[in-house]
């Protein structure tokens, strides 16, 4: 499993967004909000501009132009570099199998469509092994607590965690089964032509 580059989830989302084309931070913020990506990361103008600056310094983004619209301040347009594209994929590969970083996993899952479906299935299989081990540990702990006659009031958090892990396993098994079906679209190449310029499912998420 590759090590994840030292990027925040917001930085990864910015890099992934610029795969769609060059844009300035104002447009990035507009699209993030339109697509309700504030469900995944906290969006603040200052943080976004700071993150873009860091990505430029690290060679993952490049300035490609400056424009002005009327009396508005100049806007710098940025493009994704080859290194930036590779970094997104490396980060997703590192974060997708993990079960201990919930925020990072959500972003990795949102960008997993950039990887080959077979690779995604393999990464999710690794994650499933970790989830199953966590489920088994929780079950064993509850069984031991029951044997020792521990009062149930002290176990409610463990019971909740077991329910969440069990549900997560069921959801992931269903996703893996869909990925195994060649008819299930995966990646931009599998999208119908008429969907090329329509809002993504994230854009249609209700408020």
N, C-alpha and C. Protein backbone atom coordinates (compact mmCIF):
# COMPACT_ATOMS: atom_id res chain seq x y z
N UNK A 1 0.85 -1.18 0.00
CA UNK A 1 0.00 0.00 0.00
C UNK A 1 0.89 1.24 0.00
N UNK A 2 0.70 2.20 -0.93
CA UNK A 2 1.54 3.39 -0.98
C UNK A 2 1.26 4.32 0.18
N UNK A 3 2.27 5.08 0.58
CA UNK A 3 2.07 6.10 1.59
C UNK A 3 1.30 7.25 0.99
N UNK A 4 0.37 7.82 1.78
CA UNK A 4 -0.41 8.96 1.30
C UNK A 4 0.44 10.22 1.34
N UNK A 5 0.46 11.00 0.25
CA UNK A 5 1.15 12.28 0.30
C UNK A 5 0.54 13.15 1.40
N UNK A 6 1.32 14.06 1.96
CA UNK A 6 0.85 14.89 3.05
C UNK A 6 -0.09 15.97 2.59
N UNK A 7 -1.27 15.60 2.15
CA UNK A 7 -2.26 16.55 1.66
C UNK A 7 -3.51 16.47 2.52
N UNK A 8 -4.19 17.59 2.66
CA UNK A 8 -5.48 17.60 3.33
C UNK A 8 -6.55 17.11 2.36
N UNK A 9 -7.70 16.67 2.86
CA UNK A 9 -8.80 16.30 1.96
C UNK A 9 -9.18 17.44 1.02
N UNK A 10 -9.16 18.70 1.50
CA UNK A 10 -9.49 19.83 0.63
C UNK A 10 -8.49 19.94 -0.50
N UNK A 11 -7.21 19.76 -0.22
CA UNK A 11 -6.19 19.84 -1.27
C UNK A 11 -6.44 18.79 -2.34
N UNK A 12 -6.79 17.59 -1.92
CA UNK A 12 -7.06 16.51 -2.88
C UNK A 12 -8.27 16.86 -3.73
N UNK A 13 -9.31 17.42 -3.11
CA UNK A 13 -10.50 17.78 -3.86
C UNK A 13 -10.22 18.88 -4.88
N UNK A 14 -9.35 19.82 -4.53
CA UNK A 14 -8.97 20.87 -5.47
C UNK A 14 -8.24 20.27 -6.67
N UNK A 15 -7.28 19.41 -6.40
CA UNK A 15 -6.53 18.78 -7.49
C UNK A 15 -7.47 17.96 -8.38
N UNK A 16 -8.36 17.20 -7.76
CA UNK A 16 -9.28 16.38 -8.54
C UNK A 16 -10.23 17.25 -9.36
N UNK A 17 -10.67 18.37 -8.80
CA UNK A 17 -11.58 19.25 -9.52
C UNK A 17 -10.92 19.81 -10.78
N UNK A 18 -9.64 20.14 -10.70
CA UNK A 18 -8.96 20.73 -11.86
C UNK A 18 -8.69 19.72 -12.96
N UNK A 19 -9.00 18.46 -12.73
CA UNK A 19 -8.98 17.51 -13.83
C UNK A 19 -10.06 17.86 -14.85
N UNK A 20 -11.06 18.61 -14.42
CA UNK A 20 -12.15 19.00 -15.32
C UNK A 20 -11.76 20.19 -16.20
N UNK A 21 -10.67 20.89 -15.84
CA UNK A 21 -10.24 22.04 -16.62
C UNK A 21 -9.64 23.11 -15.74
N UNK A 22 -8.97 24.06 -16.38
CA UNK A 22 -8.34 25.15 -15.65
C UNK A 22 -9.41 26.06 -15.06
N UNK A 23 -9.16 26.61 -13.88
CA UNK A 23 -10.11 27.53 -13.27
C UNK A 23 -9.45 28.33 -12.16
N UNK A 24 -10.14 29.39 -11.76
CA UNK A 24 -9.63 30.22 -10.67
C UNK A 24 -10.34 29.83 -9.37
N UNK A 25 -9.80 30.22 -8.22
CA UNK A 25 -10.38 29.79 -6.93
C UNK A 25 -11.84 30.15 -6.76
N UNK A 26 -12.27 31.28 -7.30
CA UNK A 26 -13.70 31.63 -7.19
C UNK A 26 -14.57 30.57 -7.84
N UNK A 27 -14.15 30.09 -9.01
CA UNK A 27 -14.92 29.05 -9.70
C UNK A 27 -14.84 27.73 -8.94
N UNK A 28 -13.67 27.44 -8.36
CA UNK A 28 -13.56 26.22 -7.55
C UNK A 28 -14.57 26.25 -6.41
N UNK A 29 -14.62 27.36 -5.68
CA UNK A 29 -15.54 27.49 -4.55
C UNK A 29 -16.99 27.37 -5.03
N UNK A 30 -17.30 27.98 -6.16
CA UNK A 30 -18.66 27.93 -6.68
C UNK A 30 -19.08 26.49 -6.99
N UNK A 31 -18.18 25.74 -7.63
CA UNK A 31 -18.50 24.36 -7.98
C UNK A 31 -18.59 23.46 -6.74
N UNK A 32 -17.69 23.67 -5.80
CA UNK A 32 -17.75 22.89 -4.57
C UNK A 32 -19.10 23.08 -3.88
N UNK A 33 -19.56 24.31 -3.82
CA UNK A 33 -20.83 24.58 -3.15
C UNK A 33 -22.00 24.06 -3.97
N UNK A 34 -21.93 24.20 -5.29
CA UNK A 34 -22.99 23.70 -6.15
C UNK A 34 -23.15 22.20 -6.00
N UNK A 35 -22.04 21.51 -5.90
CA UNK A 35 -22.05 20.05 -5.81
C UNK A 35 -22.19 19.53 -4.38
N UNK A 36 -22.33 20.46 -3.44
CA UNK A 36 -22.48 20.13 -2.03
C UNK A 36 -21.27 19.37 -1.47
N UNK A 37 -20.10 19.73 -1.96
CA UNK A 37 -18.89 19.11 -1.42
C UNK A 37 -18.55 19.62 -0.03
N UNK A 38 -19.33 20.61 0.46
CA UNK A 38 -19.16 21.02 1.84
C UNK A 38 -19.66 19.95 2.80
N UNK A 39 -20.26 18.87 2.26
CA UNK A 39 -20.57 17.71 3.08
C UNK A 39 -19.31 16.94 3.44
N UNK A 40 -18.28 17.08 2.61
CA UNK A 40 -17.07 16.29 2.78
C UNK A 40 -15.97 17.04 3.50
N UNK A 41 -15.85 18.33 3.23
CA UNK A 41 -14.83 19.15 3.87
C UNK A 41 -15.44 20.50 4.23
N UNK A 42 -14.84 21.16 5.18
CA UNK A 42 -15.28 22.49 5.55
C UNK A 42 -14.69 23.49 4.56
N UNK A 43 -15.56 24.25 3.92
CA UNK A 43 -15.12 25.18 2.88
C UNK A 43 -15.09 26.61 3.42
N UNK A 44 -13.92 27.20 3.40
CA UNK A 44 -13.75 28.60 3.76
C UNK A 44 -12.85 29.25 2.70
N UNK A 45 -13.20 30.46 2.31
CA UNK A 45 -12.47 31.13 1.24
C UNK A 45 -10.99 31.24 1.55
N UNK A 46 -10.67 31.68 2.76
CA UNK A 46 -9.26 31.85 3.12
C UNK A 46 -8.49 30.54 3.07
N UNK A 47 -9.11 29.48 3.57
CA UNK A 47 -8.44 28.17 3.57
C UNK A 47 -8.23 27.68 2.15
N UNK A 48 -9.23 27.89 1.28
CA UNK A 48 -9.10 27.44 -0.10
C UNK A 48 -7.95 28.17 -0.80
N UNK A 49 -7.87 29.50 -0.65
CA UNK A 49 -6.79 30.25 -1.29
C UNK A 49 -5.43 29.83 -0.74
N UNK A 50 -5.36 29.62 0.57
CA UNK A 50 -4.10 29.18 1.18
C UNK A 50 -3.68 27.82 0.63
N UNK A 51 -4.65 26.91 0.49
CA UNK A 51 -4.36 25.57 -0.02
C UNK A 51 -3.90 25.62 -1.47
N UNK A 52 -4.55 26.45 -2.28
CA UNK A 52 -4.12 26.60 -3.68
C UNK A 52 -2.68 27.09 -3.73
N UNK A 53 -2.35 28.09 -2.90
CA UNK A 53 -0.98 28.59 -2.88
C UNK A 53 0.03 27.52 -2.52
N UNK A 54 -0.32 26.69 -1.56
CA UNK A 54 0.58 25.61 -1.17
C UNK A 54 0.76 24.61 -2.31
N UNK A 55 -0.32 24.29 -3.00
CA UNK A 55 -0.24 23.35 -4.11
C UNK A 55 0.62 23.88 -5.25
N UNK A 56 0.57 25.19 -5.46
CA UNK A 56 1.43 25.80 -6.48
C UNK A 56 2.89 25.68 -6.05
N UNK A 57 3.17 26.00 -4.79
CA UNK A 57 4.55 25.91 -4.30
C UNK A 57 5.09 24.49 -4.38
N UNK A 58 4.20 23.50 -4.22
CA UNK A 58 4.63 22.10 -4.27
C UNK A 58 4.68 21.55 -5.69
N UNK A 59 4.35 22.39 -6.67
CA UNK A 59 4.42 21.95 -8.07
C UNK A 59 3.26 21.08 -8.52
N UNK A 60 2.16 21.09 -7.75
CA UNK A 60 1.01 20.26 -8.10
C UNK A 60 -0.03 21.04 -8.90
N UNK A 61 0.01 22.36 -8.80
CA UNK A 61 -0.77 23.27 -9.64
C UNK A 61 0.17 24.28 -10.27
N UNK A 62 -0.27 24.87 -11.38
CA UNK A 62 0.53 25.89 -12.05
C UNK A 62 -0.37 27.05 -12.44
N UNK A 63 0.13 28.28 -12.28
CA UNK A 63 -0.60 29.46 -12.74
C UNK A 63 -0.53 29.51 -14.26
N UNK A 64 -1.69 29.70 -14.90
CA UNK A 64 -1.71 29.71 -16.37
C UNK A 64 -2.33 30.98 -16.95
N UNK A 65 -2.73 31.91 -16.11
CA UNK A 65 -3.29 33.15 -16.65
C UNK A 65 -3.92 34.00 -15.57
N UNK A 66 -4.11 35.26 -15.90
CA UNK A 66 -4.76 36.22 -15.00
C UNK A 66 -5.77 37.00 -15.82
N UNK A 67 -7.00 37.14 -15.29
CA UNK A 67 -8.01 37.91 -16.01
C UNK A 67 -8.73 38.84 -15.05
N UNK A 68 -9.38 39.84 -15.62
CA UNK A 68 -10.14 40.79 -14.83
C UNK A 68 -11.51 40.98 -15.48
N UNK A 69 -12.56 40.96 -14.65
CA UNK A 69 -13.92 41.15 -15.13
C UNK A 69 -14.44 42.46 -14.58
N UNK A 70 -14.44 43.49 -15.42
CA UNK A 70 -14.91 44.81 -14.99
C UNK A 70 -14.06 45.38 -13.89
N UNK A 71 -14.70 45.82 -12.83
CA UNK A 71 -13.99 46.40 -11.70
C UNK A 71 -13.60 45.39 -10.63
N UNK A 72 -13.86 44.11 -10.92
CA UNK A 72 -13.52 43.08 -9.94
C UNK A 72 -12.01 42.87 -9.89
N UNK A 73 -11.52 42.35 -8.74
CA UNK A 73 -10.07 42.08 -8.63
C UNK A 73 -9.62 41.06 -9.67
N UNK A 74 -8.34 41.10 -10.00
CA UNK A 74 -7.79 40.12 -10.92
C UNK A 74 -7.94 38.71 -10.35
N UNK A 75 -8.18 37.77 -11.25
CA UNK A 75 -8.33 36.38 -10.85
C UNK A 75 -7.28 35.54 -11.57
N UNK A 76 -6.53 34.79 -10.79
CA UNK A 76 -5.50 33.92 -11.35
C UNK A 76 -6.10 32.55 -11.65
N UNK A 77 -5.84 32.06 -12.84
CA UNK A 77 -6.35 30.75 -13.25
C UNK A 77 -5.24 29.72 -13.05
N UNK A 78 -5.64 28.54 -12.58
CA UNK A 78 -4.67 27.48 -12.27
C UNK A 78 -4.98 26.22 -13.07
N UNK A 79 -3.92 25.47 -13.34
CA UNK A 79 -4.04 24.20 -14.06
C UNK A 79 -3.39 23.09 -13.25
N UNK A 80 -3.90 21.90 -13.40
CA UNK A 80 -3.32 20.73 -12.75
C UNK A 80 -2.05 20.31 -13.48
N UNK A 81 -0.99 20.05 -12.77
CA UNK A 81 0.23 19.55 -13.38
C UNK A 81 0.19 18.02 -13.42
N UNK A 82 1.10 17.43 -14.19
CA UNK A 82 1.16 15.96 -14.24
C UNK A 82 1.42 15.40 -12.84
N UNK A 83 2.30 16.07 -12.08
CA UNK A 83 2.59 15.62 -10.72
C UNK A 83 1.34 15.70 -9.86
N UNK A 84 0.53 16.74 -10.07
CA UNK A 84 -0.70 16.86 -9.31
C UNK A 84 -1.66 15.73 -9.57
N UNK A 85 -1.82 15.34 -10.83
CA UNK A 85 -2.69 14.23 -11.17
C UNK A 85 -2.22 12.92 -10.56
N UNK A 86 -0.91 12.68 -10.62
CA UNK A 86 -0.38 11.46 -10.02
C UNK A 86 -0.57 11.45 -8.50
N UNK A 87 -0.44 12.62 -7.90
CA UNK A 87 -0.56 12.71 -6.45
C UNK A 87 -1.97 12.38 -5.98
N UNK A 88 -2.97 12.83 -6.73
CA UNK A 88 -4.35 12.49 -6.37
C UNK A 88 -4.53 10.97 -6.34
N UNK A 89 -4.08 10.31 -7.38
CA UNK A 89 -4.25 8.86 -7.46
C UNK A 89 -3.49 8.14 -6.35
N UNK A 90 -2.28 8.61 -6.05
CA UNK A 90 -1.50 8.00 -4.97
C UNK A 90 -2.21 8.17 -3.64
N UNK A 91 -2.77 9.34 -3.42
CA UNK A 91 -3.48 9.62 -2.16
C UNK A 91 -4.71 8.73 -2.04
N UNK A 92 -5.47 8.60 -3.11
CA UNK A 92 -6.67 7.75 -3.08
C UNK A 92 -6.28 6.30 -2.82
N UNK A 93 -5.23 5.83 -3.46
CA UNK A 93 -4.79 4.45 -3.25
C UNK A 93 -4.41 4.20 -1.79
N UNK A 94 -3.83 5.20 -1.15
CA UNK A 94 -3.40 5.04 0.24
C UNK A 94 -4.55 5.13 1.22
N UNK A 95 -5.54 5.97 0.93
CA UNK A 95 -6.62 6.22 1.89
C UNK A 95 -7.81 5.28 1.73
N UNK A 96 -8.05 4.78 0.54
CA UNK A 96 -9.26 3.98 0.31
C UNK A 96 -9.31 2.71 1.16
N UNK A 97 -8.19 2.03 1.43
CA UNK A 97 -8.29 0.79 2.22
C UNK A 97 -8.39 1.03 3.74
N UNK A 98 -8.19 2.24 4.21
CA UNK A 98 -8.08 2.49 5.64
C UNK A 98 -9.46 2.58 6.29
N UNK A 99 -9.51 2.25 7.59
CA UNK A 99 -10.76 2.36 8.34
C UNK A 99 -10.63 3.32 9.52
N UNK A 100 -9.46 3.94 9.67
CA UNK A 100 -9.22 4.78 10.85
C UNK A 100 -9.23 6.27 10.53
N UNK A 101 -9.57 6.65 9.29
CA UNK A 101 -9.58 8.07 8.91
C UNK A 101 -10.84 8.33 8.10
N UNK A 102 -11.94 8.56 8.81
CA UNK A 102 -13.25 8.63 8.17
C UNK A 102 -13.35 9.77 7.16
N UNK A 103 -12.83 10.95 7.49
CA UNK A 103 -12.93 12.09 6.58
C UNK A 103 -12.15 11.83 5.30
N UNK A 104 -10.95 11.29 5.46
CA UNK A 104 -10.12 11.00 4.29
C UNK A 104 -10.76 9.91 3.43
N UNK A 105 -11.37 8.91 4.07
CA UNK A 105 -12.00 7.84 3.29
C UNK A 105 -13.13 8.39 2.44
N UNK A 106 -13.93 9.30 2.96
CA UNK A 106 -15.06 9.83 2.19
C UNK A 106 -14.57 10.53 0.92
N UNK A 107 -13.49 11.30 1.06
CA UNK A 107 -12.94 11.99 -0.11
C UNK A 107 -12.32 10.97 -1.07
N UNK A 108 -11.60 9.99 -0.54
CA UNK A 108 -11.01 8.96 -1.40
C UNK A 108 -12.10 8.21 -2.16
N UNK A 109 -13.20 7.91 -1.50
CA UNK A 109 -14.30 7.22 -2.16
C UNK A 109 -14.91 8.10 -3.25
N UNK A 110 -15.05 9.39 -2.96
CA UNK A 110 -15.62 10.31 -3.95
C UNK A 110 -14.74 10.43 -5.19
N UNK A 111 -13.44 10.20 -5.05
CA UNK A 111 -12.52 10.31 -6.19
C UNK A 111 -12.04 8.96 -6.71
N UNK A 112 -12.59 7.87 -6.18
CA UNK A 112 -12.13 6.54 -6.58
C UNK A 112 -12.42 6.23 -8.04
N UNK A 113 -13.39 6.92 -8.64
CA UNK A 113 -13.74 6.65 -10.04
C UNK A 113 -12.60 6.98 -11.00
N UNK A 114 -11.56 7.68 -10.50
CA UNK A 114 -10.41 7.97 -11.35
C UNK A 114 -9.47 6.77 -11.47
N UNK A 115 -9.68 5.74 -10.64
CA UNK A 115 -8.86 4.54 -10.69
C UNK A 115 -9.60 3.43 -11.44
N UNK A 116 -8.85 2.47 -11.94
CA UNK A 116 -9.44 1.32 -12.60
C UNK A 116 -10.32 0.54 -11.63
N UNK A 117 -11.44 0.02 -12.12
CA UNK A 117 -12.38 -0.65 -11.22
C UNK A 117 -11.76 -1.87 -10.54
N UNK A 118 -10.90 -2.59 -11.24
CA UNK A 118 -10.27 -3.76 -10.63
C UNK A 118 -9.37 -3.35 -9.46
N UNK A 119 -8.67 -2.23 -9.63
CA UNK A 119 -7.83 -1.74 -8.54
C UNK A 119 -8.68 -1.28 -7.36
N UNK A 120 -9.78 -0.62 -7.64
CA UNK A 120 -10.67 -0.17 -6.56
C UNK A 120 -11.22 -1.37 -5.80
N UNK A 121 -11.61 -2.41 -6.51
CA UNK A 121 -12.11 -3.61 -5.84
C UNK A 121 -11.04 -4.21 -4.94
N UNK A 122 -9.80 -4.25 -5.40
CA UNK A 122 -8.72 -4.80 -4.59
C UNK A 122 -8.48 -3.96 -3.34
N UNK A 123 -8.53 -2.65 -3.49
CA UNK A 123 -8.34 -1.76 -2.34
C UNK A 123 -9.48 -1.92 -1.34
N UNK A 124 -10.71 -2.04 -1.86
CA UNK A 124 -11.85 -2.23 -0.97
C UNK A 124 -11.83 -3.60 -0.31
N UNK A 125 -11.28 -4.59 -0.99
CA UNK A 125 -11.14 -5.91 -0.37
C UNK A 125 -10.21 -5.83 0.84
N UNK A 126 -9.14 -5.04 0.72
CA UNK A 126 -8.23 -4.85 1.85
C UNK A 126 -8.96 -4.15 2.99
N UNK A 127 -9.75 -3.15 2.65
CA UNK A 127 -10.52 -2.45 3.68
C UNK A 127 -11.52 -3.39 4.34
N UNK A 128 -12.11 -4.28 3.56
CA UNK A 128 -13.08 -5.21 4.13
C UNK A 128 -12.43 -6.12 5.16
N UNK A 129 -11.21 -6.55 4.90
CA UNK A 129 -10.51 -7.39 5.87
C UNK A 129 -10.33 -6.65 7.19
N UNK A 130 -10.01 -5.37 7.10
CA UNK A 130 -9.84 -4.58 8.33
C UNK A 130 -11.17 -4.37 9.04
N UNK A 131 -12.22 -4.10 8.28
CA UNK A 131 -13.54 -3.94 8.88
C UNK A 131 -14.00 -5.23 9.55
N UNK A 132 -13.80 -6.36 8.89
CA UNK A 132 -14.22 -7.64 9.46
C UNK A 132 -13.45 -7.94 10.74
N UNK A 133 -12.16 -7.63 10.76
CA UNK A 133 -11.36 -7.84 11.97
C UNK A 133 -11.87 -6.95 13.10
N UNK A 134 -12.21 -5.70 12.78
CA UNK A 134 -12.75 -4.80 13.79
C UNK A 134 -14.09 -5.31 14.32
N UNK A 135 -14.96 -5.79 13.42
CA UNK A 135 -16.24 -6.36 13.83
C UNK A 135 -16.04 -7.55 14.77
N UNK A 136 -15.11 -8.43 14.41
CA UNK A 136 -14.87 -9.62 15.23
C UNK A 136 -14.34 -9.23 16.61
N UNK A 137 -13.46 -8.22 16.67
CA UNK A 137 -12.94 -7.77 17.95
C UNK A 137 -14.06 -7.20 18.83
N UNK A 138 -14.95 -6.43 18.21
CA UNK A 138 -16.06 -5.86 18.97
C UNK A 138 -16.98 -6.96 19.49
N UNK A 139 -17.27 -7.94 18.66
CA UNK A 139 -18.12 -9.06 19.10
C UNK A 139 -17.47 -9.82 20.25
N UNK A 140 -16.16 -10.04 20.12
CA UNK A 140 -15.46 -10.76 21.19
C UNK A 140 -15.48 -9.97 22.49
N UNK A 141 -15.30 -8.65 22.37
CA UNK A 141 -15.33 -7.80 23.56
C UNK A 141 -16.68 -7.83 24.24
N UNK A 142 -17.75 -7.77 23.46
CA UNK A 142 -19.09 -7.82 24.04
C UNK A 142 -19.37 -9.19 24.67
N UNK A 143 -18.90 -10.25 24.03
CA UNK A 143 -19.10 -11.58 24.59
C UNK A 143 -18.36 -11.72 25.91
N UNK A 144 -17.15 -11.18 25.97
CA UNK A 144 -16.38 -11.24 27.21
C UNK A 144 -17.04 -10.39 28.29
N UNK A 145 -17.56 -9.25 27.92
CA UNK A 145 -18.25 -8.41 28.89
C UNK A 145 -19.49 -9.11 29.43
N UNK A 146 -20.20 -9.81 28.56
CA UNK A 146 -21.38 -10.56 29.00
C UNK A 146 -20.98 -11.67 29.96
N UNK A 147 -19.89 -12.37 29.66
CA UNK A 147 -19.42 -13.46 30.53
C UNK A 147 -19.07 -12.94 31.91
N UNK A 148 -18.55 -11.70 31.96
CA UNK A 148 -18.17 -11.09 33.23
C UNK A 148 -19.33 -10.34 33.89
N UNK A 149 -20.50 -10.42 33.28
CA UNK A 149 -21.71 -9.79 33.81
C UNK A 149 -21.55 -8.27 33.93
N UNK A 150 -20.89 -7.66 32.96
CA UNK A 150 -20.77 -6.20 32.93
C UNK A 150 -22.15 -5.60 32.65
N UNK A 151 -22.48 -4.56 33.37
CA UNK A 151 -23.79 -3.93 33.18
C UNK A 151 -23.92 -3.39 31.76
N UNK A 152 -25.04 -3.63 31.08
CA UNK A 152 -25.21 -3.17 29.69
C UNK A 152 -25.05 -1.67 29.52
N UNK A 153 -25.29 -0.89 30.56
CA UNK A 153 -25.17 0.56 30.43
C UNK A 153 -23.76 1.01 30.08
N UNK A 154 -22.78 0.17 30.39
CA UNK A 154 -21.39 0.51 30.08
C UNK A 154 -20.97 0.05 28.68
N UNK A 155 -21.89 -0.56 27.97
CA UNK A 155 -21.53 -1.16 26.68
C UNK A 155 -22.25 -0.53 25.50
N UNK A 156 -23.03 0.52 25.77
CA UNK A 156 -23.85 1.06 24.68
C UNK A 156 -22.99 1.63 23.54
N UNK A 157 -21.84 2.23 23.85
CA UNK A 157 -20.99 2.78 22.80
C UNK A 157 -20.38 1.66 21.97
N UNK A 158 -20.00 0.56 22.61
CA UNK A 158 -19.44 -0.57 21.88
C UNK A 158 -20.50 -1.18 20.98
N UNK A 159 -21.74 -1.28 21.49
CA UNK A 159 -22.84 -1.82 20.68
C UNK A 159 -23.09 -0.95 19.46
N UNK A 160 -23.03 0.36 19.66
CA UNK A 160 -23.22 1.28 18.53
C UNK A 160 -22.11 1.09 17.50
N UNK A 161 -20.87 0.99 17.96
CA UNK A 161 -19.75 0.81 17.04
C UNK A 161 -19.90 -0.49 16.25
N UNK A 162 -20.35 -1.54 16.90
CA UNK A 162 -20.55 -2.81 16.21
C UNK A 162 -21.64 -2.67 15.14
N UNK A 163 -22.71 -1.97 15.47
CA UNK A 163 -23.78 -1.78 14.49
C UNK A 163 -23.29 -1.00 13.29
N UNK A 164 -22.47 0.04 13.52
CA UNK A 164 -21.95 0.84 12.41
C UNK A 164 -21.00 0.04 11.53
N UNK A 165 -20.11 -0.73 12.14
CA UNK A 165 -19.17 -1.53 11.36
C UNK A 165 -19.91 -2.59 10.56
N UNK A 166 -20.92 -3.21 11.17
CA UNK A 166 -21.70 -4.23 10.47
C UNK A 166 -22.42 -3.62 9.26
N UNK A 167 -23.01 -2.44 9.45
CA UNK A 167 -23.68 -1.76 8.34
C UNK A 167 -22.69 -1.36 7.25
N UNK A 168 -21.51 -0.91 7.66
CA UNK A 168 -20.48 -0.52 6.70
C UNK A 168 -20.06 -1.72 5.85
N UNK A 169 -19.92 -2.87 6.47
CA UNK A 169 -19.57 -4.08 5.73
C UNK A 169 -20.65 -4.44 4.72
N UNK A 170 -21.90 -4.35 5.12
CA UNK A 170 -23.00 -4.67 4.20
C UNK A 170 -23.02 -3.72 3.02
N UNK A 171 -22.83 -2.43 3.30
CA UNK A 171 -22.81 -1.44 2.20
C UNK A 171 -21.64 -1.70 1.26
N UNK A 172 -20.45 -1.97 1.83
CA UNK A 172 -19.28 -2.16 0.97
C UNK A 172 -19.40 -3.43 0.15
N UNK A 173 -19.96 -4.49 0.72
CA UNK A 173 -20.16 -5.72 -0.05
C UNK A 173 -21.07 -5.47 -1.25
N UNK A 174 -22.10 -4.64 -1.05
CA UNK A 174 -23.01 -4.33 -2.15
C UNK A 174 -22.29 -3.53 -3.23
N UNK A 175 -21.44 -2.58 -2.83
CA UNK A 175 -20.69 -1.81 -3.80
C UNK A 175 -19.72 -2.70 -4.58
N UNK A 176 -19.02 -3.56 -3.89
CA UNK A 176 -18.07 -4.45 -4.55
C UNK A 176 -18.78 -5.35 -5.56
N UNK A 177 -19.97 -5.80 -5.21
CA UNK A 177 -20.74 -6.62 -6.15
C UNK A 177 -21.11 -5.82 -7.40
N UNK A 178 -21.46 -4.55 -7.24
CA UNK A 178 -21.78 -3.73 -8.41
C UNK A 178 -20.54 -3.52 -9.27
N UNK A 179 -19.40 -3.31 -8.63
CA UNK A 179 -18.17 -3.11 -9.39
C UNK A 179 -17.78 -4.36 -10.18
N UNK A 180 -18.19 -5.51 -9.70
CA UNK A 180 -17.87 -6.76 -10.41
C UNK A 180 -18.71 -6.94 -11.66
N UNK A 181 -19.76 -6.16 -11.80
CA UNK A 181 -20.65 -6.26 -12.96
C UNK A 181 -20.15 -5.31 -14.05
N UNK A 182 -19.72 -5.82 -15.20
CA UNK A 182 -19.21 -4.95 -16.27
C UNK A 182 -20.24 -3.93 -16.75
N UNK A 183 -21.52 -4.19 -16.51
CA UNK A 183 -22.55 -3.25 -16.93
C UNK A 183 -22.63 -2.04 -16.02
N UNK A 184 -22.03 -2.13 -14.85
CA UNK A 184 -22.05 -0.99 -13.92
C UNK A 184 -21.02 0.03 -14.39
N UNK A 185 -21.43 1.25 -14.75
CA UNK A 185 -20.47 2.22 -15.29
C UNK A 185 -19.44 2.63 -14.24
N UNK A 186 -18.20 2.77 -14.70
CA UNK A 186 -17.13 3.17 -13.78
C UNK A 186 -16.11 3.98 -14.56
N UNK A 187 -15.86 5.19 -14.12
CA UNK A 187 -14.90 6.06 -14.78
C UNK A 187 -15.56 6.90 -15.86
N UNK A 188 -14.89 7.97 -16.22
CA UNK A 188 -15.44 8.90 -17.21
C UNK A 188 -15.69 8.22 -18.54
N UNK A 189 -14.83 7.27 -18.90
CA UNK A 189 -14.98 6.61 -20.20
C UNK A 189 -16.28 5.83 -20.31
N UNK A 190 -16.86 5.42 -19.18
CA UNK A 190 -18.10 4.64 -19.20
C UNK A 190 -19.35 5.51 -19.16
N UNK A 191 -19.18 6.82 -19.02
CA UNK A 191 -20.36 7.69 -18.96
C UNK A 191 -20.96 7.86 -20.34
N UNK A 192 -22.29 7.82 -20.45
CA UNK A 192 -22.92 8.11 -21.75
C UNK A 192 -22.59 9.53 -22.19
N UNK A 193 -22.50 9.75 -23.50
CA UNK A 193 -22.12 11.06 -24.03
C UNK A 193 -23.05 12.16 -23.55
N UNK A 194 -24.35 11.84 -23.40
CA UNK A 194 -25.29 12.89 -23.01
C UNK A 194 -25.11 13.33 -21.57
N UNK A 195 -24.31 12.58 -20.79
CA UNK A 195 -24.06 12.97 -19.41
C UNK A 195 -22.81 13.82 -19.26
N UNK A 196 -22.11 14.06 -20.32
CA UNK A 196 -20.81 14.73 -20.23
C UNK A 196 -20.91 16.12 -19.64
N UNK A 197 -22.02 16.83 -19.89
CA UNK A 197 -22.12 18.20 -19.41
C UNK A 197 -23.30 18.40 -18.46
N UNK A 198 -23.78 17.30 -17.89
CA UNK A 198 -24.86 17.42 -16.92
C UNK A 198 -24.29 17.38 -15.52
N UNK A 199 -25.02 17.91 -14.51
CA UNK A 199 -24.51 17.89 -13.14
C UNK A 199 -24.27 16.48 -12.66
N UNK A 200 -23.22 16.30 -11.85
CA UNK A 200 -22.94 15.01 -11.27
C UNK A 200 -23.96 14.71 -10.19
N UNK A 201 -24.04 13.44 -9.72
CA UNK A 201 -24.96 13.13 -8.62
C UNK A 201 -24.72 14.01 -7.41
N UNK A 202 -23.44 14.39 -7.16
CA UNK A 202 -23.18 15.24 -6.01
C UNK A 202 -23.81 16.61 -6.18
N UNK A 203 -23.90 17.11 -7.42
CA UNK A 203 -24.52 18.40 -7.66
C UNK A 203 -26.02 18.36 -7.35
N UNK A 204 -26.61 17.15 -7.46
CA UNK A 204 -28.04 17.04 -7.28
C UNK A 204 -28.43 16.70 -5.86
N UNK A 205 -27.44 16.60 -4.96
CA UNK A 205 -27.74 16.28 -3.57
C UNK A 205 -28.64 17.35 -2.99
N UNK A 206 -29.79 17.00 -2.38
CA UNK A 206 -30.68 18.02 -1.83
C UNK A 206 -30.08 18.73 -0.64
N UNK A 207 -30.50 19.96 -0.42
CA UNK A 207 -30.01 20.72 0.74
C UNK A 207 -30.55 20.13 2.02
